C-alpha atoms as a PDB file:
ATOM      1  CA  MET A   1       0.091   0.072  -0.093  1.00  0.00           C
ATOM      2  CA  ARG A   2       3.040   2.274  -0.512  1.00  0.00           C
ATOM      3  CA  THR A   3       0.737   4.942  -2.940  1.00  0.00           C
ATOM      4  CA  ILE A   4      -1.626   5.310  -0.263  1.00  0.00           C
ATOM      5  CA  ASN A   5       1.182   6.002   1.866  1.00  0.00           C
ATOM      6  CA  VAL A   6       2.531   8.714  -0.140  1.00  0.00           C
ATOM      7  CA  PHE A   7      -0.776  10.058  -0.626  1.00  0.00           C
ATOM      8  CA  VAL A   8      -1.590  10.204   3.396  1.00  0.00           C
ATOM      9  CA  ARG A   9       1.883  12.226   3.523  1.00  0.00           C
ATOM     10  CA  ILE A  10       1.523  14.801   1.147  1.00  0.00           C
ATOM     11  CA  SER A  11      -2.227  15.390   1.981  1.00  0.00           C
ATOM     12  CA  SER A  12      -0.979  15.749   5.770  1.00  0.00           C
ATOM     13  CA  LYS A  13       1.988  18.253   4.353  1.00  0.00           C
ATOM     14  CA  LEU A  14      -0.777  20.050   2.363  1.00  0.00           C
ATOM     15  CA  LYS A  15      -2.932  20.579   5.405  1.00  0.00           C
ATOM     16  CA  ARG A  16      -0.095  22.482   6.837  1.00  0.00           C
ATOM     17  CA  VAL A  17       0.622  24.503   3.861  1.00  0.00           C
ATOM     18  CA  LEU A  18      -3.058  25.611   2.662  1.00  0.00           C
ATOM     19  CA  PRO A  19      -5.257  27.964   4.539  1.00  0.00           C
ATOM     20  CA  ILE A  20      -8.550  26.150   4.190  1.00  0.00           C
ATOM     21  CA  ASN A  21     -11.147  25.917   7.293  1.00  0.00           C
ATOM     22  CA  GLU A  22     -11.235  23.318   9.713  1.00  0.00           C
ATOM     23  CA  GLN A  23     -14.877  22.035   8.573  1.00  0.00           C
ATOM     24  CA  TRP A  24     -13.006  21.131   5.094  1.00  0.00           C
ATOM     25  CA  TRP A  25     -10.213  19.561   6.076  1.00  0.00           C
ATOM     26  CA  THR A  26     -12.330  17.228   8.595  1.00  0.00           C
ATOM     27  CA  LYS A  27     -14.265  16.481   5.255  1.00  0.00           C
ATOM     28  CA  PHE A  28     -10.864  15.713   3.597  1.00  0.00           C
ATOM     29  CA  ASP A  29      -9.551  13.726   6.440  1.00  0.00           C
ATOM     30  CA  LEU A  30     -12.614  11.608   6.219  1.00  0.00           C
ATOM     31  CA  LEU A  31     -12.394  11.338   2.523  1.00  0.00           C
ATOM     32  CA  ARG A  32      -8.871  10.222   2.700  1.00  0.00           C
ATOM     33  CA  THR A  33      -9.735   7.477   5.335  1.00  0.00           C
ATOM     34  CA  LEU A  34     -12.793   6.154   2.951  1.00  0.00           C
ATOM     35  CA  VAL A  35     -10.708   5.964   0.237  1.00  0.00           C
ATOM     36  CA  ARG A  36      -7.270   4.396   2.421  1.00  0.00           C
ATOM     37  CA  ARG A  37      -9.973   1.556   3.446  1.00  0.00           C
ATOM     38  CA  ASP A  38     -11.681   1.187  -0.083  1.00  0.00           C
ATOM     39  CA  LEU A  39      -8.470   0.551  -1.657  1.00  0.00           C
ATOM     40  CA  GLU A  40      -7.497  -2.161   1.358  1.00  0.00           C
ATOM     41  CA  ALA A  41     -10.273  -3.932   0.864  1.00  0.00           C
ATOM     42  CA  ARG A  42     -10.141  -4.745  -2.745  1.00  0.00           C
ATOM     43  CA  TYR A  43      -6.850  -6.435  -2.002  1.00  0.00           C
ATOM     44  CA  LYS A  44      -7.632  -7.870   1.395  1.00  0.00           C
ATOM     45  CA  GLY A  45      -5.943 -11.319   1.516  1.00  0.00           C
ATOM     46  CA  SER A  46      -4.950 -11.699  -2.163  1.00  0.00           C
ATOM     47  CA  VAL A  47      -1.460 -12.413  -3.014  1.00  0.00           C
ATOM     48  CA  LEU A  48      -0.366  -9.466  -5.050  1.00  0.00           C
ATOM     49  CA  GLY A  49      -2.255  -6.974  -3.375  1.00  0.00           C
ATOM     50  CA  ASN A  50      -2.011  -3.480  -5.303  1.00  0.00           C
ATOM     51  CA  LEU A  51      -0.541  -4.908  -8.440  1.00  0.00           C
ATOM     52  CA  TRP A  52      -3.495  -6.454  -9.416  1.00  0.00           C
ATOM     53  CA  SER A  53      -4.293  -3.182 -10.386  1.00  0.00           C
ATOM     54  CA  LEU A  54      -2.146  -3.148 -13.367  1.00  0.00           C
ATOM     55  CA  VAL A  55      -3.497  -6.441 -14.525  1.00  0.00           C
ATOM     56  CA  ASN A  56      -6.395  -4.870 -16.432  1.00  0.00           C
ATOM     57  CA  PRO A  57      -4.396  -1.786 -18.085  1.00  0.00           C
ATOM     58  CA  LEU A  58      -1.741  -4.419 -18.840  1.00  0.00           C
ATOM     59  CA  SER A  59      -3.812  -7.103 -20.356  1.00  0.00           C
ATOM     60  CA  GLN A  60      -5.634  -4.295 -22.380  1.00  0.00           C
ATOM     61  CA  LEU A  61      -1.863  -2.739 -23.578  1.00  0.00           C
ATOM     62  CA  LEU A  62      -0.872  -6.277 -24.837  1.00  0.00           C
ATOM     63  CA  ILE A  63      -4.043  -7.082 -26.583  1.00  0.00           C
ATOM     64  CA  TYR A  64      -4.098  -3.538 -28.381  1.00  0.00           C
ATOM     65  CA  THR A  65      -0.749  -3.552 -29.195  1.00  0.00           C
ATOM     66  CA  TYR A  66      -0.984  -7.130 -30.952  1.00  0.00           C
ATOM     67  CA  VAL A  67      -3.928  -5.838 -32.890  1.00  0.00           C
ATOM     68  CA  PHE A  68      -2.705  -2.800 -33.875  1.00  0.00           C
ATOM     69  CA  SER A  69       1.100  -2.760 -34.424  1.00  0.00           C
ATOM     70  CA  ILE A  70       1.481  -6.730 -35.385  1.00  0.00           C
ATOM     71  CA  VAL A  71      -1.736  -7.711 -37.116  1.00  0.00           C
ATOM     72  CA  LEU A  72      -3.003  -4.111 -38.713  1.00  0.00           C
ATOM     73  CA  LYS A  73       0.868  -3.090 -38.719  1.00  0.00           C
ATOM     74  CA  VAL A  74      -0.090   0.291 -37.238  1.00  0.00           C
ATOM     75  CA  LYS A  75       3.027   2.595 -37.973  1.00  0.00           C
ATOM     76  CA  LEU A  76       4.057   5.149 -34.664  1.00  0.00           C
ATOM     77  CA  SER A  77       7.257   6.778 -34.278  1.00  0.00           C
ATOM     78  CA  LEU A  78       8.032   8.980 -31.055  1.00  0.00           C
ATOM     79  CA  LYS A  79      10.655  10.931 -30.706  1.00  0.00           C
ATOM     80  CA  GLY A  80      13.667   9.299 -29.186  1.00  0.00           C
ATOM     81  CA  LEU A  81      11.947   5.912 -29.571  1.00  0.00           C
ATOM     82  CA  GLU A  82      12.247   5.477 -33.297  1.00  0.00           C
ATOM     83  CA  ALA A  83      14.316   2.521 -33.121  1.00  0.00           C
ATOM     84  CA  ASN A  84      11.702  -0.003 -32.251  1.00  0.00           C
ATOM     85  CA  GLU A  85       8.308   0.731 -33.575  1.00  0.00           C
ATOM     86  CA  SER A  86       6.537  -1.785 -31.571  1.00  0.00           C
ATOM     87  CA  VAL A  87       8.046  -0.379 -28.380  1.00  0.00           C
ATOM     88  CA  SER A  88       6.707   3.117 -29.705  1.00  0.00           C
ATOM     89  CA  PHE A  89       3.274   1.940 -30.266  1.00  0.00           C
ATOM     90  CA  GLY A  90       2.466   0.209 -26.622  1.00  0.00           C
ATOM     91  CA  LEU A  91       4.067   3.069 -24.778  1.00  0.00           C
ATOM     92  CA  TRP A  92       2.123   5.509 -26.536  1.00  0.00           C
ATOM     93  CA  LEU A  93      -1.200   2.991 -26.525  1.00  0.00           C
ATOM     94  CA  PHE A  94      -0.619   2.586 -22.262  1.00  0.00           C
ATOM     95  CA  ALA A  95       0.028   6.965 -22.021  1.00  0.00           C
ATOM     96  CA  GLY A  96      -3.581   7.035 -23.114  1.00  0.00           C
ATOM     97  CA  LEU A  97      -5.365   4.281 -21.665  1.00  0.00           C
ATOM     98  CA  LEU A  98      -4.110   5.487 -18.052  1.00  0.00           C
ATOM     99  CA  PRO A  99      -6.406   8.222 -17.603  1.00  0.00           C
ATOM    100  CA  TRP A 100      -9.137   6.437 -19.678  1.00  0.00           C
ATOM    101  CA  ILE A 101      -8.770   3.266 -16.964  1.00  0.00           C
ATOM    102  CA  ALA A 102      -8.945   5.756 -14.380  1.00  0.00           C
ATOM    103  CA  PHE A 103     -11.826   8.155 -15.873  1.00  0.00           C
ATOM    104  CA  SER A 104     -13.972   5.023 -16.889  1.00  0.00           C
ATOM    105  CA  THR A 105     -13.585   2.988 -13.752  1.00  0.00           C
ATOM    106  CA  GLY A 106     -13.850   5.821 -11.201  1.00  0.00           C
ATOM    107  CA  LEU A 107     -17.212   6.795 -13.168  1.00  0.00           C
ATOM    108  CA  VAL A 108     -18.789   3.260 -13.157  1.00  0.00           C
ATOM    109  CA  GLN A 109     -18.159   2.676  -9.802  1.00  0.00           C
ATOM    110  CA  SER A 110     -19.332   5.862  -8.336  1.00  0.00           C
ATOM    111  CA  ALA A 111     -22.985   5.396 -10.065  1.00  0.00           C
ATOM    112  CA  GLY A 112     -23.449   2.879  -7.025  1.00  0.00           C
ATOM    113  CA  ALA A 113     -21.685   4.829  -4.427  1.00  0.00           C
ATOM    114  CA  VAL A 114     -25.158   6.021  -3.053  1.00  0.00           C
ATOM    115  CA  VAL A 115     -27.143   2.591  -3.530  1.00  0.00           C
ATOM    116  CA  ASN A 116     -24.641   1.001  -2.101  1.00  0.00           C
ATOM    117  CA  GLN A 117     -24.411   2.506   1.008  1.00  0.00           C
ATOM    118  CA  PRO A 118     -27.978   2.868   2.452  1.00  0.00           C
ATOM    119  CA  ASN A 119     -26.745   2.700   5.978  1.00  0.00           C
ATOM    120  CA  LEU A 120     -24.417   6.000   5.606  1.00  0.00           C
ATOM    121  CA  VAL A 121     -27.069   7.453   3.630  1.00  0.00           C
ATOM    122  CA  LYS A 122     -29.238   7.457   6.578  1.00  0.00           C
ATOM    123  CA  LYS A 123     -26.898   9.431   8.845  1.00  0.00           C
ATOM    124  CA  VAL A 124     -27.821  12.991   9.402  1.00  0.00           C
ATOM    125  CA  VAL A 125     -24.255  13.581  10.202  1.00  0.00           C
ATOM    126  CA  PHE A 126     -22.509  11.756   7.109  1.00  0.00           C
ATOM    127  CA  PRO A 127     -21.362  14.603   4.150  1.00  0.00           C
ATOM    128  CA  LEU A 128     -22.979  12.505   1.609  1.00  0.00           C
ATOM    129  CA  SER A 129     -21.138  14.438  -0.962  1.00  0.00           C
ATOM    130  CA  LEU A 130     -18.071  12.406  -0.346  1.00  0.00           C
ATOM    131  CA  LEU A 131     -19.416   9.203  -1.584  1.00  0.00           C
ATOM    132  CA  PRO A 132     -19.072   9.635  -5.151  1.00  0.00           C
ATOM    133  CA  LEU A 133     -15.644  10.744  -4.919  1.00  0.00           C
ATOM    134  CA  VAL A 134     -14.260   7.587  -2.821  1.00  0.00           C
ATOM    135  CA  PRO A 135     -14.244   5.528  -5.946  1.00  0.00           C
ATOM    136  CA  ILE A 136     -12.988   8.453  -8.187  1.00  0.00           C
ATOM    137  CA  PHE A 137      -9.794   9.186  -6.198  1.00  0.00           C
ATOM    138  CA  SER A 138      -9.472   4.972  -5.727  1.00  0.00           C
ATOM    139  CA  ALA A 139      -9.066   4.694  -9.453  1.00  0.00           C
ATOM    140  CA  PHE A 140      -6.992   7.733  -9.703  1.00  0.00           C
ATOM    141  CA  ILE A 141      -4.496   6.234  -7.090  1.00  0.00           C
ATOM    142  CA  GLU A 142      -4.544   2.996  -8.677  1.00  0.00           C
ATOM    143  CA  SER A 143      -3.876   4.585 -12.101  1.00  0.00           C
ATOM    144  CA  SER A 144      -0.251   6.044 -10.640  1.00  0.00           C
ATOM    145  CA  LEU A 145       1.071   2.584 -10.322  1.00  0.00           C
ATOM    146  CA  GLY A 146       0.320   2.381 -13.986  1.00  0.00           C
ATOM    147  CA  LEU A 147       2.242   5.810 -14.606  1.00  0.00           C
ATOM    148  CA  ILE A 148       5.196   5.274 -12.586  1.00  0.00           C
ATOM    149  CA  MET A 149       5.654   2.185 -14.838  1.00  0.00           C
ATOM    150  CA  LEU A 150       4.938   3.933 -17.914  1.00  0.00           C
ATOM    151  CA  ILE A 151       7.723   6.615 -16.675  1.00  0.00           C
ATOM    152  CA  PHE A 152      10.215   3.696 -15.666  1.00  0.00           C
ATOM    153  CA  PHE A 153       9.674   2.133 -19.272  1.00  0.00           C
ATOM    154  CA  VAL A 154       9.998   5.387 -21.101  1.00  0.00           C
ATOM    155  CA  ALA A 155      13.320   6.281 -19.122  1.00  0.00           C
ATOM    156  CA  VAL A 156      14.450   2.611 -20.160  1.00  0.00           C
ATOM    157  CA  PHE A 157      13.737   2.636 -24.005  1.00  0.00           C
ATOM    158  CA  SER A 158      14.658   6.731 -24.632  1.00  0.00           C
ATOM    159  CA  GLY A 159      17.466   7.096 -21.807  1.00  0.00           C
ATOM    160  CA  ASN A 160      16.058  10.199 -20.523  1.00  0.00           C
ATOM    161  CA  LEU A 161      13.286  11.416 -18.362  1.00  0.00           C
ATOM    162  CA  HIS A 162      11.222  14.620 -19.784  1.00  0.00           C
ATOM    163  CA  THR A 163      10.927  17.706 -17.605  1.00  0.00           C
ATOM    164  CA  THR A 164       7.648  17.882 -18.501  1.00  0.00           C
ATOM    165  CA  LEU A 165       6.651  15.409 -16.520  1.00  0.00           C
ATOM    166  CA  ALA A 166       6.608  18.476 -13.581  1.00  0.00           C
ATOM    167  CA  LEU A 167       3.501  19.768 -15.517  1.00  0.00           C
ATOM    168  CA  LEU A 168       1.184  16.456 -15.034  1.00  0.00           C
ATOM    169  CA  PRO A 169      -1.009  17.907 -12.461  1.00  0.00           C
ATOM    170  CA  LEU A 170      -1.936  20.343 -15.159  1.00  0.00           C
ATOM    171  CA  VAL A 171      -3.908  17.515 -16.667  1.00  0.00           C
ATOM    172  CA  TRP A 172      -4.866  15.648 -13.490  1.00  0.00           C
ATOM    173  CA  ILE A 173      -7.194  18.701 -12.761  1.00  0.00           C
ATOM    174  CA  PRO A 174      -9.422  18.643 -15.689  1.00  0.00           C
ATOM    175  CA  GLN A 175      -9.258  14.657 -15.322  1.00  0.00           C
ATOM    176  CA  LEU A 176     -10.605  14.627 -11.761  1.00  0.00           C
ATOM    177  CA  LEU A 177     -13.318  17.547 -12.276  1.00  0.00           C
ATOM    178  CA  LEU A 178     -14.769  15.634 -15.675  1.00  0.00           C
ATOM    179  CA  THR A 179     -15.219  12.213 -13.772  1.00  0.00           C
ATOM    180  CA  ALA A 180     -16.384  14.075 -10.593  1.00  0.00           C
ATOM    181  CA  GLY A 181     -18.785  16.104 -11.979  1.00  0.00           C
ATOM    182  CA  LEU A 182     -20.403  12.804 -13.913  1.00  0.00           C
ATOM    183  CA  GLY A 183     -19.751  10.518 -11.294  1.00  0.00           C
ATOM    184  CA  TYR A 184     -22.150  13.020  -8.956  1.00  0.00           C
ATOM    185  CA  LEU A 185     -24.174  13.234 -12.038  1.00  0.00           C
ATOM    186  CA  ALA A 186     -24.722   9.213 -12.133  1.00  0.00           C
ATOM    187  CA  ALA A 187     -24.490   8.516  -8.192  1.00  0.00           C
ATOM    188  CA  GLY A 188     -27.473  10.822  -8.026  1.00  0.00           C
ATOM    189  CA  LEU A 189     -29.488   9.777 -10.805  1.00  0.00           C
ATOM    190  CA  THR A 190     -28.739   5.908 -10.425  1.00  0.00           C
ATOM    191  CA  VAL A 191     -30.866   6.494  -6.536  1.00  0.00           C
ATOM    192  CA  PHE A 192     -34.261   6.899  -9.089  1.00  0.00           C
ATOM    193  CA  LEU A 193     -33.169   5.290 -12.009  1.00  0.00           C
ATOM    194  CA  ARG A 194     -31.407   2.121 -11.665  1.00  0.00           C
ATOM    195  CA  ASP A 195     -30.390   1.853 -15.176  1.00  0.00           C
ATOM    196  CA  ILE A 196     -27.941   4.485 -15.278  1.00  0.00           C
ATOM    197  CA  PRO A 197     -25.166   2.028 -14.842  1.00  0.00           C
ATOM    198  CA  GLN A 198     -25.959  -0.120 -17.543  1.00  0.00           C
ATOM    199  CA  THR A 199     -26.540   3.088 -19.770  1.00  0.00           C
ATOM    200  CA  LEU A 200     -23.204   4.298 -18.795  1.00  0.00           C
ATOM    201  CA  ASN A 201     -21.451   1.149 -19.982  1.00  0.00           C
ATOM    202  CA  VAL A 202     -23.038   1.744 -23.430  1.00  0.00           C
ATOM    203  CA  ILE A 203     -22.078   5.218 -23.595  1.00  0.00           C
ATOM    204  CA  LEU A 204     -18.320   4.148 -22.151  1.00  0.00           C
ATOM    205  CA  ASN A 205     -18.031   1.914 -25.103  1.00  0.00           C
ATOM    206  CA  ILE A 206     -19.084   4.661 -27.631  1.00  0.00           C
ATOM    207  CA  TRP A 207     -16.807   7.229 -25.765  1.00  0.00           C
ATOM    208  CA  PHE A 208     -13.796   4.605 -25.896  1.00  0.00           C
ATOM    209  CA  TYR A 209     -13.798   4.676 -30.000  1.00  0.00           C
ATOM    210  CA  ALA A 210     -14.653   8.111 -30.704  1.00  0.00           C
ATOM    211  CA  THR A 211     -11.491   8.956 -28.615  1.00  0.00           C
ATOM    212  CA  PRO A 212      -7.901   8.042 -30.126  1.00  0.00           C
ATOM    213  CA  ILE A 213      -6.603   6.240 -27.801  1.00  0.00           C
ATOM    214  CA  VAL A 214      -6.022   3.039 -29.928  1.00  0.00           C
ATOM    215  CA  TYR A 215      -5.286   5.409 -32.872  1.00  0.00           C
ATOM    216  CA  PRO A 216      -3.446   8.219 -33.517  1.00  0.00           C
ATOM    217  CA  ALA A 217      -5.534  11.251 -33.798  1.00  0.00           C
ATOM    218  CA  THR A 218      -3.947  12.045 -37.402  1.00  0.00           C
ATOM    219  CA  SER A 219      -6.085   8.670 -38.560  1.00  0.00           C
ATOM    220  CA  ILE A 220      -9.174  11.184 -37.920  1.00  0.00           C
ATOM    221  CA  PRO A 221     -10.615  12.760 -40.860  1.00  0.00           C
ATOM    222  CA  GLU A 222      -9.547  16.385 -41.065  1.00  0.00           C
ATOM    223  CA  SER A 223     -13.535  17.618 -41.176  1.00  0.00           C
ATOM    224  CA  TRP A 224     -13.436  16.136 -37.650  1.00  0.00           C
ATOM    225  CA  GLN A 225     -10.449  16.129 -35.782  1.00  0.00           C
ATOM    226  CA  SER A 226     -11.001  19.684 -34.576  1.00  0.00           C
ATOM    227  CA  TRP A 227     -14.233  18.553 -33.043  1.00  0.00           C
ATOM    228  CA  ILE A 228     -12.779  15.540 -31.346  1.00  0.00           C
ATOM    229  CA  LEU A 229      -9.958  17.088 -29.777  1.00  0.00           C
ATOM    230  CA  TRP A 230     -11.528  20.575 -28.805  1.00  0.00           C
ATOM    231  CA  LEU A 231     -14.779  19.165 -27.772  1.00  0.00           C
ATOM    232  CA  ASN A 232     -13.803  15.775 -26.224  1.00  0.00           C
ATOM    233  CA  PRO A 233     -12.417  16.465 -22.759  1.00  0.00           C
ATOM    234  CA  LEU A 234     -10.613  12.739 -22.818  1.00  0.00           C
ATOM    235  CA  ALA A 235      -9.167  12.902 -26.199  1.00  0.00           C
ATOM    236  CA  ALA A 236      -7.569  16.457 -25.068  1.00  0.00           C
ATOM    237  CA  ILE A 237      -6.632  14.805 -21.499  1.00  0.00           C
ATOM    238  CA  ALA A 238      -4.764  11.739 -23.484  1.00  0.00           C
ATOM    239  CA  GLU A 239      -2.901  13.770 -26.042  1.00  0.00           C
ATOM    240  CA  VAL A 240      -1.235  15.994 -22.966  1.00  0.00           C
ATOM    241  CA  TYR A 241      -0.670  12.754 -21.004  1.00  0.00           C
ATOM    242  CA  ARG A 242       1.453  11.720 -23.811  1.00  0.00           C
ATOM    243  CA  ASP A 243       2.817  15.031 -24.852  1.00  0.00           C
ATOM    244  CA  PHE A 244       4.274  15.188 -20.943  1.00  0.00           C
ATOM    245  CA  VAL A 245       5.352  11.728 -20.513  1.00  0.00           C
ATOM    246  CA  LEU A 246       6.462  10.390 -23.831  1.00  0.00           C
ATOM    247  CA  VAL A 247       7.381  13.401 -26.154  1.00  0.00           C
ATOM    248  CA  GLY A 248       8.614  16.202 -23.807  1.00  0.00           C
ATOM    249  CA  GLU A 249       7.147  18.933 -25.915  1.00  0.00           C
ATOM    250  CA  VAL A 250       3.561  20.328 -25.178  1.00  0.00           C
ATOM    251  CA  LYS A 251       1.810  20.135 -28.289  1.00  0.00           C
ATOM    252  CA  HIS A 252      -1.814  21.130 -26.800  1.00  0.00           C
ATOM    253  CA  TRP A 253      -2.319  23.943 -24.303  1.00  0.00           C
ATOM    254  CA  GLY A 254      -5.264  25.012 -26.359  1.00  0.00           C
ATOM    255  CA  GLU A 255      -7.335  21.791 -26.285  1.00  0.00           C
ATOM    256  CA  LEU A 256      -6.065  21.235 -22.592  1.00  0.00           C
ATOM    257  CA  GLY A 257      -7.653  25.051 -22.020  1.00  0.00           C
ATOM    258  CA  VAL A 258     -10.876  24.140 -23.468  1.00  0.00           C
ATOM    259  CA  ALA A 259     -10.955  20.535 -21.550  1.00  0.00           C
ATOM    260  CA  PHE A 260     -10.629  22.144 -18.372  1.00  0.00           C
ATOM    261  CA  THR A 261     -13.699  24.643 -19.158  1.00  0.00           C
ATOM    262  CA  ILE A 262     -15.436  21.665 -20.129  1.00  0.00           C
ATOM    263  CA  SER A 263     -14.711  19.799 -17.173  1.00  0.00           C
ATOM    264  CA  GLY A 264     -15.309  22.800 -14.693  1.00  0.00           C
ATOM    265  CA  ILE A 265     -19.060  23.032 -16.368  1.00  0.00           C
ATOM    266  CA  ILE A 266     -19.355  19.725 -16.098  1.00  0.00           C
ATOM    267  CA  PHE A 267     -18.407  19.370 -12.707  1.00  0.00           C
ATOM    268  CA  PHE A 268     -20.805  22.153 -11.477  1.00  0.00           C
ATOM    269  CA  ILE A 269     -23.479  20.797 -13.195  1.00  0.00           C
ATOM    270  CA  GLY A 270     -22.915  17.452 -11.402  1.00  0.00           C
ATOM    271  CA  ILE A 271     -22.463  18.578  -7.709  1.00  0.00           C
ATOM    272  CA  LEU A 272     -25.414  20.982  -7.983  1.00  0.00           C
ATOM    273  CA  THR A 273     -27.691  18.331  -9.355  1.00  0.00           C
ATOM    274  CA  TYR A 274     -26.259  15.896  -6.990  1.00  0.00           C
ATOM    275  CA  ARG A 275     -27.098  18.133  -3.795  1.00  0.00           C
ATOM    276  CA  LYS A 276     -30.617  18.946  -5.240  1.00  0.00           C
ATOM    277  CA  LEU A 277     -31.236  15.214  -5.397  1.00  0.00           C
ATOM    278  CA  ARG A 278     -29.731  14.618  -1.930  1.00  0.00           C
ATOM    279  CA  PRO A 279     -32.908  15.505   0.195  1.00  0.00           C
ATOM    280  CA  GLY A 280     -34.517  12.058  -1.690  1.00  0.00           C
ATOM    281  CA  PHE A 281     -31.909   9.769  -1.357  1.00  0.00           C
ATOM    282  CA  ALA A 282     -32.737   8.457   2.132  1.00  0.00           C
ATOM    283  CA  ASP A 283     -36.728   8.144   1.253  1.00  0.00           C
ATOM    284  CA  VAL A 284     -35.813   6.253  -1.677  1.00  0.00           C
ATOM    285  CA  LEU A 285     -33.286   4.066  -0.281  1.00  0.00           C
END
């Protein structure tokens, strides 16, 4: 659980530095405790522990690399990795999968965050706004293991680490805002409409292939490229991940700014909807 411990230490330091009132820190400490308990419960008794969080992205990485790089012979050359096209494609693919898996996993699990905790919902003193955030932050922390592994392999095959890695928090913010906003919407609506989780799976399947994750953005028809990169926040986030980790050059500042704006709007819509629906949770559950 080293990743969780690192998260705890960082949050403790932030508490001493940031000028935030005690009530918010109390909620933050509770969220940290819930996330830690959630991660520990997932792998309790398992031999591999947190390493299981790497199995899903790695399995997808191997499948997609085989299909697109070996069977379909998709060619991709990255700065510093041109010598091995298969390796380049694998790392490029993994960099796009990481934010997507964190987003989709957190969103799907947050949809049931309220209906799966009826006892907490009926407690007057419990801050219900934290429930959808627990699976979202758990998925995000798990994805950090894959990110560490990706950075390691990039360093091995390219022989250097890009200074743009320090800019990664800039792409995490819109990613978390987007996931949390949609998570609040899904969690609130699922209480009254139990078809939401199944609907989400269908939407995410379509969204995945509408996002340049397993194929380069350049393969999209030119008339559609701008729409995909500028109006699909996950497309911009995936591209910026690749900029920061693989290329070392920032090519998509504009797209990231738009993604930040869209994600912020979705977050506020999601949390306002959740707060409006919250008074009826206890009655329905």
